[in-house]
Amino acid sequence: MATIAERIKALLDELATDELEERVVEYVIREVNNGRRLTEVLADPYVRNRLSDERIEHVLENPDVVAVLEQQIADSFRTREFGFGD
């Protein structure tokens, strides 16, 4: 059975991770809005040094990240610039 101190530490660790994840979500959204590809942004040391692969998957499930990616896809179809030649 976990002590109260262990429970408090676990809670604080979870809160810190959630805050860190939120900062990464903001970074991903900003960079994608600046025209970078998602795969490129996810490979950045900023992202890789802060989150595990599991947490990165969680970032990709964030509704705000999904919305910005959907917008990028819609813009690609509208402009017919799919970036295949890049």
PDB file of N, CA and C in Angstrom:
ATOM      1  N   MET A   1       0.842  -1.171   0.000  1.00  0.00           N
ATOM      2  CA  MET A   1       0.000   0.000   0.000  1.00  0.00           C
ATOM      3  C   MET A   1       0.895   1.246   0.000  1.00  0.00           C
ATOM      4  N   ALA A   2       0.573   2.176  -0.850  1.00  0.00           N
ATOM      5  CA  ALA A   2       1.374   3.396  -0.999  1.00  0.00           C
ATOM      6  C   ALA A   2       1.121   4.341   0.176  1.00  0.00           C
ATOM      7  N   THR A   3       2.188   4.973   0.591  1.00  0.00           N
ATOM      8  CA  THR A   3       2.047   5.949   1.660  1.00  0.00           C
ATOM      9  C   THR A   3       1.439   7.229   1.090  1.00  0.00           C
ATOM     10  N   ILE A   4       1.027   8.098   1.979  1.00  0.00           N
ATOM     11  CA  ILE A   4       0.462   9.376   1.544  1.00  0.00           C
ATOM     12  C   ILE A   4       1.501  10.166   0.762  1.00  0.00           C
ATOM     13  N   ALA A   5       2.748  10.155   1.225  1.00  0.00           N
ATOM     14  CA  ALA A   5       3.813  10.877   0.516  1.00  0.00           C
ATOM     15  C   ALA A   5       3.997  10.324  -0.889  1.00  0.00           C
ATOM     16  N   GLU A   6       3.930   9.007  -1.042  1.00  0.00           N
ATOM     17  CA  GLU A   6       4.079   8.398  -2.374  1.00  0.00           C
ATOM     18  C   GLU A   6       2.910   8.776  -3.280  1.00  0.00           C
ATOM     19  N   ARG A   7       1.743   8.817  -2.714  1.00  0.00           N
ATOM     20  CA  ARG A   7       0.556   9.214  -3.500  1.00  0.00           C
ATOM     21  C   ARG A   7       0.647  10.670  -3.937  1.00  0.00           C
ATOM     22  N   ILE A   8       1.080  11.526  -3.032  1.00  0.00           N
ATOM     23  CA  ILE A   8       1.231  12.950  -3.364  1.00  0.00           C
ATOM     24  C   ILE A   8       2.286  13.127  -4.446  1.00  0.00           C
ATOM     25  N   LYS A   9       3.408  12.419  -4.311  1.00  0.00           N
ATOM     26  CA  LYS A   9       4.468  12.497  -5.324  1.00  0.00           C
ATOM     27  C   LYS A   9       3.953  12.027  -6.675  1.00  0.00           C
ATOM     28  N   ALA A  10       3.206  10.926  -6.703  1.00  0.00           N
ATOM     29  CA  ALA A  10       2.654  10.418  -7.959  1.00  0.00           C
ATOM     30  C   ALA A  10       1.708  11.438  -8.591  1.00  0.00           C
ATOM     31  N   LEU A  11       0.881  12.074  -7.768  1.00  0.00           N
ATOM     32  CA  LEU A  11      -0.046  13.095  -8.264  1.00  0.00           C
ATOM     33  C   LEU A  11       0.714  14.283  -8.842  1.00  0.00           C
ATOM     34  N   LEU A  12       1.725  14.746  -8.128  1.00  0.00           N
ATOM     35  CA  LEU A  12       2.516  15.882  -8.612  1.00  0.00           C
ATOM     36  C   LEU A  12       3.265  15.533  -9.894  1.00  0.00           C
ATOM     37  N   ASP A  13       3.791  14.316  -9.978  1.00  0.00           N
ATOM     38  CA  ASP A  13       4.468  13.876 -11.198  1.00  0.00           C
ATOM     39  C   ASP A  13       3.502  13.862 -12.377  1.00  0.00           C
ATOM     40  N   GLU A  14       2.282  13.398 -12.135  1.00  0.00           N
ATOM     41  CA  GLU A  14       1.282  13.356 -13.194  1.00  0.00           C
ATOM     42  C   GLU A  14       0.897  14.762 -13.649  1.00  0.00           C
ATOM     43  N   LEU A  15       0.736  15.672 -12.699  1.00  0.00           N
ATOM     44  CA  LEU A  15       0.404  17.060 -13.041  1.00  0.00           C
ATOM     45  C   LEU A  15       1.526  17.711 -13.835  1.00  0.00           C
ATOM     46  N   ALA A  16       2.769  17.460 -13.457  1.00  0.00           N
ATOM     47  CA  ALA A  16       3.910  18.025 -14.180  1.00  0.00           C
ATOM     48  C   ALA A  16       3.965  17.477 -15.598  1.00  0.00           C
ATOM     49  N   THR A  17       3.698  16.189 -15.750  1.00  0.00           N
ATOM     50  CA  THR A  17       3.705  15.576 -17.079  1.00  0.00           C
ATOM     51  C   THR A  17       2.589  16.150 -17.932  1.00  0.00           C
ATOM     52  N   ASP A  18       1.407  16.353 -17.342  1.00  0.00           N
ATOM     53  CA  ASP A  18       0.291  16.931 -18.079  1.00  0.00           C
ATOM     54  C   ASP A  18       0.620  18.342 -18.551  1.00  0.00           C
ATOM     55  N   GLU A  19       1.265  19.132 -17.693  1.00  0.00           N
ATOM     56  CA  GLU A  19       1.649  20.496 -18.077  1.00  0.00           C
ATOM     57  C   GLU A  19       2.686  20.463 -19.193  1.00  0.00           C
ATOM     58  N   LEU A  20       3.639  19.576 -19.089  1.00  0.00           N
ATOM     59  CA  LEU A  20       4.662  19.428 -20.118  1.00  0.00           C
ATOM     60  C   LEU A  20       4.026  18.996 -21.436  1.00  0.00           C
ATOM     61  N   GLU A  21       3.107  18.043 -21.356  1.00  0.00           N
ATOM     62  CA  GLU A  21       2.412  17.587 -22.553  1.00  0.00           C
ATOM     63  C   GLU A  21       1.645  18.735 -23.202  1.00  0.00           C
ATOM     64  N   GLU A  22       1.021  19.569 -22.393  1.00  0.00           N
ATOM     65  CA  GLU A  22       0.270  20.711 -22.932  1.00  0.00           C
ATOM     66  C   GLU A  22       1.199  21.673 -23.665  1.00  0.00           C
ATOM     67  N   ARG A  23       2.393  21.892 -23.128  1.00  0.00           N
ATOM     68  CA  ARG A  23       3.355  22.753 -23.820  1.00  0.00           C
ATOM     69  C   ARG A  23       3.771  22.149 -25.158  1.00  0.00           C
ATOM     70  N   VAL A  24       3.924  20.839 -25.194  1.00  0.00           N
ATOM     71  CA  VAL A  24       4.286  20.178 -26.453  1.00  0.00           C
ATOM     72  C   VAL A  24       3.121  20.285 -27.441  1.00  0.00           C
ATOM     73  N   VAL A  25       1.897  20.142 -26.962  1.00  0.00           N
ATOM     74  CA  VAL A  25       0.723  20.309 -27.830  1.00  0.00           C
ATOM     75  C   VAL A  25       0.740  21.708 -28.448  1.00  0.00           C
ATOM     76  N   GLU A  26       0.982  22.714 -27.644  1.00  0.00           N
ATOM     77  CA  GLU A  26       1.042  24.090 -28.153  1.00  0.00           C
ATOM     78  C   GLU A  26       2.151  24.235 -29.192  1.00  0.00           C
ATOM     79  N   TYR A  27       3.297  23.625 -28.942  1.00  0.00           N
ATOM     80  CA  TYR A  27       4.428  23.676 -29.875  1.00  0.00           C
ATOM     81  C   TYR A  27       4.059  23.008 -31.201  1.00  0.00           C
ATOM     82  N   VAL A  28       3.465  21.819 -31.129  1.00  0.00           N
ATOM     83  CA  VAL A  28       3.085  21.094 -32.344  1.00  0.00           C
ATOM     84  C   VAL A  28       2.097  21.920 -33.161  1.00  0.00           C
ATOM     85  N   ILE A  29       1.097  22.471 -32.513  1.00  0.00           N
ATOM     86  CA  ILE A  29       0.096  23.284 -33.211  1.00  0.00           C
ATOM     87  C   ILE A  29       0.754  24.494 -33.869  1.00  0.00           C
ATOM     88  N   ARG A  30       1.594  25.191 -33.131  1.00  0.00           N
ATOM     89  CA  ARG A  30       2.262  26.379 -33.669  1.00  0.00           C
ATOM     90  C   ARG A  30       3.120  26.021 -34.886  1.00  0.00           C
ATOM     91  N   GLU A  31       3.903  24.960 -34.769  1.00  0.00           N
ATOM     92  CA  GLU A  31       4.802  24.587 -35.862  1.00  0.00           C
ATOM     93  C   GLU A  31       4.044  24.107 -37.093  1.00  0.00           C
ATOM     94  N   VAL A  32       2.975  23.347 -36.899  1.00  0.00           N
ATOM     95  CA  VAL A  32       2.164  22.904 -38.036  1.00  0.00           C
ATOM     96  C   VAL A  32       1.487  24.103 -38.686  1.00  0.00           C
ATOM     97  N   ASN A  33       1.007  25.033 -37.876  1.00  0.00           N
ATOM     98  CA  ASN A  33       0.411  26.260 -38.430  1.00  0.00           C
ATOM     99  C   ASN A  33       1.431  27.094 -39.190  1.00  0.00           C
ATOM    100  N   ASN A  34       2.704  26.961 -38.843  1.00  0.00           N
ATOM    101  CA  ASN A  34       3.772  27.661 -39.559  1.00  0.00           C
ATOM    102  C   ASN A  34       4.197  26.931 -40.829  1.00  0.00           C
ATOM    103  N   GLY A  35       3.504  25.842 -41.145  1.00  0.00           N
ATOM    104  CA  GLY A  35       3.750  25.157 -42.413  1.00  0.00           C
ATOM    105  C   GLY A  35       4.655  23.934 -42.343  1.00  0.00           C
ATOM    106  N   ARG A  36       5.094  23.570 -41.157  1.00  0.00           N
ATOM    107  CA  ARG A  36       5.944  22.387 -41.039  1.00  0.00           C
ATOM    108  C   ARG A  36       5.104  21.122 -41.067  1.00  0.00           C
ATOM    109  N   ARG A  37       5.701  20.047 -41.542  1.00  0.00           N
ATOM    110  CA  ARG A  37       5.018  18.758 -41.545  1.00  0.00           C
ATOM    111  C   ARG A  37       5.021  18.163 -40.150  1.00  0.00           C
ATOM    112  N   LEU A  38       3.946  17.443 -39.853  1.00  0.00           N
ATOM    113  CA  LEU A  38       3.800  16.849 -38.534  1.00  0.00           C
ATOM    114  C   LEU A  38       4.961  15.913 -38.211  1.00  0.00           C
ATOM    115  N   THR A  39       5.357  15.078 -39.157  1.00  0.00           N
ATOM    116  CA  THR A  39       6.449  14.135 -38.887  1.00  0.00           C
ATOM    117  C   THR A  39       7.742  14.860 -38.543  1.00  0.00           C
ATOM    118  N   GLU A  40       7.959  15.980 -39.191  1.00  0.00           N
ATOM    119  CA  GLU A  40       9.150  16.791 -38.924  1.00  0.00           C
ATOM    120  C   GLU A  40       9.096  17.380 -37.512  1.00  0.00           C
ATOM    121  N   VAL A  41       7.929  17.882 -37.135  1.00  0.00           N
ATOM    122  CA  VAL A  41       7.765  18.485 -35.815  1.00  0.00           C
ATOM    123  C   VAL A  41       7.934  17.428 -34.723  1.00  0.00           C
ATOM    124  N   LEU A  42       7.353  16.246 -34.930  1.00  0.00           N
ATOM    125  CA  LEU A  42       7.443  15.200 -33.921  1.00  0.00           C
ATOM    126  C   LEU A  42       8.864  14.667 -33.754  1.00  0.00           C
ATOM    127  N   ALA A  43       9.699  14.855 -34.769  1.00  0.00           N
ATOM    128  CA  ALA A  43      11.093  14.410 -34.690  1.00  0.00           C
ATOM    129  C   ALA A  43      12.006  15.443 -34.034  1.00  0.00           C
ATOM    130  N   ASP A  44      11.478  16.634 -33.775  1.00  0.00           N
ATOM    131  CA  ASP A  44      12.272  17.693 -33.147  1.00  0.00           C
ATOM    132  C   ASP A  44      12.792  17.249 -31.783  1.00  0.00           C
ATOM    133  N   PRO A  45      14.008  17.633 -31.455  1.00  0.00           N
ATOM    134  CA  PRO A  45      14.530  17.346 -30.119  1.00  0.00           C
ATOM    135  C   PRO A  45      13.640  17.919 -29.009  1.00  0.00           C
ATOM    136  N   TYR A  46      13.001  19.061 -29.259  1.00  0.00           N
ATOM    137  CA  TYR A  46      12.109  19.644 -28.256  1.00  0.00           C
ATOM    138  C   TYR A  46      11.032  18.646 -27.842  1.00  0.00           C
ATOM    139  N   VAL A  47      10.469  17.953 -28.816  1.00  0.00           N
ATOM    140  CA  VAL A  47       9.411  16.980 -28.536  1.00  0.00           C
ATOM    141  C   VAL A  47      10.016  15.704 -27.972  1.00  0.00           C
ATOM    142  N   ARG A  48      11.026  15.170 -28.641  1.00  0.00           N
ATOM    143  CA  ARG A  48      11.636  13.885 -28.282  1.00  0.00           C
ATOM    144  C   ARG A  48      12.270  13.892 -26.899  1.00  0.00           C
ATOM    145  N   ASN A  49      12.828  15.011 -26.499  1.00  0.00           N
ATOM    146  CA  ASN A  49      13.494  15.079 -25.196  1.00  0.00           C
ATOM    147  C   ASN A  49      12.518  15.269 -24.044  1.00  0.00           C
ATOM    148  N   ARG A  50      11.267  15.544 -24.350  1.00  0.00           N
ATOM    149  CA  ARG A  50      10.311  15.839 -23.292  1.00  0.00           C
ATOM    150  C   ARG A  50       9.276  14.755 -23.067  1.00  0.00           C
ATOM    151  N   LEU A  51       8.942  14.008 -24.127  1.00  0.00           N
ATOM    152  CA  LEU A  51       7.861  13.032 -23.996  1.00  0.00           C
ATOM    153  C   LEU A  51       8.277  11.668 -24.514  1.00  0.00           C
ATOM    154  N   SER A  52       7.740  10.641 -23.889  1.00  0.00           N
ATOM    155  CA  SER A  52       7.938   9.271 -24.367  1.00  0.00           C
ATOM    156  C   SER A  52       7.060   9.059 -25.604  1.00  0.00           C
ATOM    157  N   ASP A  53       7.297   7.967 -26.302  1.00  0.00           N
ATOM    158  CA  ASP A  53       6.469   7.651 -27.470  1.00  0.00           C
ATOM    159  C   ASP A  53       5.001   7.530 -27.074  1.00  0.00           C
ATOM    160  N   GLU A  54       4.761   6.969 -25.907  1.00  0.00           N
ATOM    161  CA  GLU A  54       3.386   6.824 -25.423  1.00  0.00           C
ATOM    162  C   GLU A  54       2.726   8.189 -25.217  1.00  0.00           C
ATOM    163  N   ARG A  55       3.461   9.118 -24.643  1.00  0.00           N
ATOM    164  CA  ARG A  55       2.909  10.458 -24.415  1.00  0.00           C
ATOM    165  C   ARG A  55       2.737  11.217 -25.734  1.00  0.00           C
ATOM    166  N   ILE A  56       3.629  10.986 -26.699  1.00  0.00           N
ATOM    167  CA  ILE A  56       3.486  11.610 -28.019  1.00  0.00           C
ATOM    168  C   ILE A  56       2.210  11.107 -28.684  1.00  0.00           C
ATOM    169  N   GLU A  57       1.925   9.813 -28.543  1.00  0.00           N
ATOM    170  CA  GLU A  57       0.666   9.280 -29.081  1.00  0.00           C
ATOM    171  C   GLU A  57      -0.525   9.991 -28.440  1.00  0.00           C
ATOM    172  N   HIS A  58      -0.416  10.276 -27.167  1.00  0.00           N
ATOM    173  CA  HIS A  58      -1.487  10.989 -26.472  1.00  0.00           C
ATOM    174  C   HIS A  58      -1.643  12.404 -27.026  1.00  0.00           C
ATOM    175  N   VAL A  59      -0.525  13.053 -27.349  1.00  0.00           N
ATOM    176  CA  VAL A  59      -0.563  14.388 -27.961  1.00  0.00           C
ATOM    177  C   VAL A  59      -1.339  14.329 -29.279  1.00  0.00           C
ATOM    178  N   LEU A  60      -1.106  13.282 -30.053  1.00  0.00           N
ATOM    179  CA  LEU A  60      -1.765  13.159 -31.353  1.00  0.00           C
ATOM    180  C   LEU A  60      -3.276  12.942 -31.229  1.00  0.00           C
ATOM    181  N   GLU A  61      -3.724  12.540 -30.053  1.00  0.00           N
ATOM    182  CA  GLU A  61      -5.157  12.367 -29.812  1.00  0.00           C
ATOM    183  C   GLU A  61      -5.816  13.649 -29.321  1.00  0.00           C
ATOM    184  N   ASN A  62      -5.028  14.669 -29.055  1.00  0.00           N
ATOM    185  CA  ASN A  62      -5.559  15.927 -28.557  1.00  0.00           C
ATOM    186  C   ASN A  62      -6.454  16.573 -29.619  1.00  0.00           C
ATOM    187  N   PRO A  63      -7.669  16.951 -29.268  1.00  0.00           N
ATOM    188  CA  PRO A  63      -8.598  17.538 -30.247  1.00  0.00           C
ATOM    189  C   PRO A  63      -8.047  18.777 -30.959  1.00  0.00           C
ATOM    190  N   ASP A  64      -7.262  19.580 -30.275  1.00  0.00           N
ATOM    191  CA  ASP A  64      -6.696  20.782 -30.905  1.00  0.00           C
ATOM    192  C   ASP A  64      -5.663  20.411 -31.967  1.00  0.00           C
ATOM    193  N   VAL A  65      -4.875  19.373 -31.701  1.00  0.00           N
ATOM    194  CA  VAL A  65      -3.894  18.906 -32.687  1.00  0.00           C
ATOM    195  C   VAL A  65      -4.628  18.308 -33.885  1.00  0.00           C
ATOM    196  N   VAL A  66      -5.640  17.512 -33.626  1.00  0.00           N
ATOM    197  CA  VAL A  66      -6.429  16.925 -34.713  1.00  0.00           C
ATOM    198  C   VAL A  66      -7.044  18.023 -35.573  1.00  0.00           C
ATOM    199  N   ALA A  67      -7.569  19.062 -34.952  1.00  0.00           N
ATOM    200  CA  ALA A  67      -8.203  20.161 -35.690  1.00  0.00           C
ATOM    201  C   ALA A  67      -7.206  20.877 -36.592  1.00  0.00           C
ATOM    202  N   VAL A  68      -6.000  21.142 -36.104  1.00  0.00           N
ATOM    203  CA  VAL A  68      -5.016  21.841 -36.926  1.00  0.00           C
ATOM    204  C   VAL A  68      -4.557  20.950 -38.084  1.00  0.00           C
ATOM    205  N   LEU A  69      -4.472  19.647 -37.846  1.00  0.00           N
ATOM    206  CA  LEU A  69      -4.096  18.735 -38.932  1.00  0.00           C
ATOM    207  C   LEU A  69      -5.203  18.637 -39.972  1.00  0.00           C
ATOM    208  N   GLU A  70      -6.440  18.605 -39.522  1.00  0.00           N
ATOM    209  CA  GLU A  70      -7.563  18.594 -40.460  1.00  0.00           C
ATOM    210  C   GLU A  70      -7.562  19.862 -41.310  1.00  0.00           C
ATOM    211  N   GLN A  71      -7.270  20.990 -40.691  1.00  0.00           N
ATOM    212  CA  GLN A  71      -7.217  22.250 -41.429  1.00  0.00           C
ATOM    213  C   GLN A  71      -6.093  22.226 -42.452  1.00  0.00           C
ATOM    214  N   GLN A  72      -4.939  21.681 -42.072  1.00  0.00           N
ATOM    215  CA  GLN A  72      -3.814  21.589 -42.998  1.00  0.00           C
ATOM    216  C   GLN A  72      -4.166  20.700 -44.194  1.00  0.00           C
ATOM    217  N   ILE A  73      -4.860  19.610 -43.952  1.00  0.00           N
ATOM    218  CA  ILE A  73      -5.286  18.726 -45.037  1.00  0.00           C
ATOM    219  C   ILE A  73      -6.284  19.442 -45.940  1.00  0.00           C
ATOM    220  N   ALA A  74      -7.248  20.122 -45.338  1.00  0.00           N
ATOM    221  CA  ALA A  74      -8.241  20.860 -46.135  1.00  0.00           C
ATOM    222  C   ALA A  74      -7.570  21.934 -46.975  1.00  0.00           C
ATOM    223  N   ASP A  75      -6.601  22.638 -46.406  1.00  0.00           N
ATOM    224  CA  ASP A  75      -5.869  23.663 -47.157  1.00  0.00           C
ATOM    225  C   ASP A  75      -5.098  23.050 -48.321  1.00  0.00           C
ATOM    226  N   SER A  76      -4.530  21.873 -48.102  1.00  0.00           N
ATOM    227  CA  SER A  76      -3.797  21.197 -49.170  1.00  0.00           C
ATOM    228  C   SER A  76      -4.715  20.863 -50.338  1.00  0.00           C
ATOM    229  N   PHE A  77      -5.913  20.392 -50.034  1.00  0.00           N
ATOM    230  CA  PHE A  77      -6.858  20.083 -51.104  1.00  0.00           C
ATOM    231  C   PHE A  77      -7.355  21.352 -51.791  1.00  0.00           C
ATOM    232  N   ARG A  78      -7.545  22.407 -51.017  1.00  0.00           N
ATOM    233  CA  ARG A  78      -8.019  23.667 -51.590  1.00  0.00           C
ATOM    234  C   ARG A  78      -6.985  24.253 -52.544  1.00  0.00           C
ATOM    235  N   THR A  79      -5.729  24.234 -52.142  1.00  0.00           N
ATOM    236  CA  THR A  79      -4.665  24.827 -52.964  1.00  0.00           C
ATOM    237  C   THR A  79      -4.049  23.834 -53.940  1.00  0.00           C
ATOM    238  N   ARG A  80      -4.379  22.556 -53.751  1.00  0.00           N
ATOM    239  CA  ARG A  80      -3.809  21.456 -54.559  1.00  0.00           C
ATOM    240  C   ARG A  80      -2.289  21.384 -54.423  1.00  0.00           C
ATOM    241  N   GLU A  81      -1.805  21.796 -53.271  1.00  0.00           N
ATOM    242  CA  GLU A  81      -0.384  21.686 -52.943  1.00  0.00           C
ATOM    243  C   GLU A  81      -0.241  20.619 -51.880  1.00  0.00           C
ATOM    244  N   PHE A  82       0.117  19.411 -52.332  1.00  0.00           N
ATOM    245  CA  PHE A  82       0.177  18.285 -51.427  1.00  0.00           C
ATOM    246  C   PHE A  82       1.571  18.004 -50.895  1.00  0.00           C
ATOM    247  N   GLY A  83       2.578  18.676 -51.420  1.00  0.00           N
ATOM    248  CA  GLY A  83       3.933  18.528 -50.910  1.00  0.00           C
ATOM    249  C   GLY A  83       4.596  17.208 -51.215  1.00  0.00           C
ATOM    250  N   PHE A  84       4.128  16.505 -52.242  1.00  0.00           N
ATOM    251  CA  PHE A  84       4.742  15.225 -52.574  1.00  0.00           C
ATOM    252  C   PHE A  84       6.144  15.392 -53.133  1.00  0.00           C
ATOM    253  N   GLY A  85       6.429  16.516 -53.749  1.00  0.00           N
ATOM    254  CA  GLY A  85       7.725  16.736 -54.371  1.00  0.00           C
ATOM    255  C   GLY A  85       8.776  17.244 -53.400  1.00  0.00           C
ATOM    256  N   ASP A  86       8.371  17.557 -52.168  1.00  0.00           N
ATOM    257  CA  ASP A  86       9.317  18.121 -51.186  1.00  0.00           C
ATOM    258  C   ASP A  86      10.221  17.075 -50.622  1.00  0.00           C
TER     259      ASP A  86
END
